[in-house]
Amino acid sequence: MQLSEKVKKLTPLSQQKKRSKILWEKIMDMVKKCMAWVKARVSERTSWDGAVIIAMCVMVICFGGLAKVAAFVGLGYGAWTCYKAEA
């Protein structure tokens, strides 16, 4: 096998490594942009409000039966605090 044939066989692999490196750099750039976006949103109050609403909805979806029990407990506690005189 001549040297030129060896180079031809190695070239696709080196090109593949170069492409994968470029792809990896693009992915890392996208991750950095996403992290910057998340960091910017964490400081906003409305983002916290939205996260709490999403978490509550997920809990109701996952634990629907328990949510009903908790709602009845909350109703009972609310009625009790309205009835009880403040000390």
Foldseek 3Di string as FASTA:
>chain_A
DDPVVVCVVCVVVVVVVVVVVVVVVVVVVVVVVVVVVVVVLVPDPVSVVVVVVVVVVVCCVVPVVVVVVVVVVVVVVVVVVVPDDDD
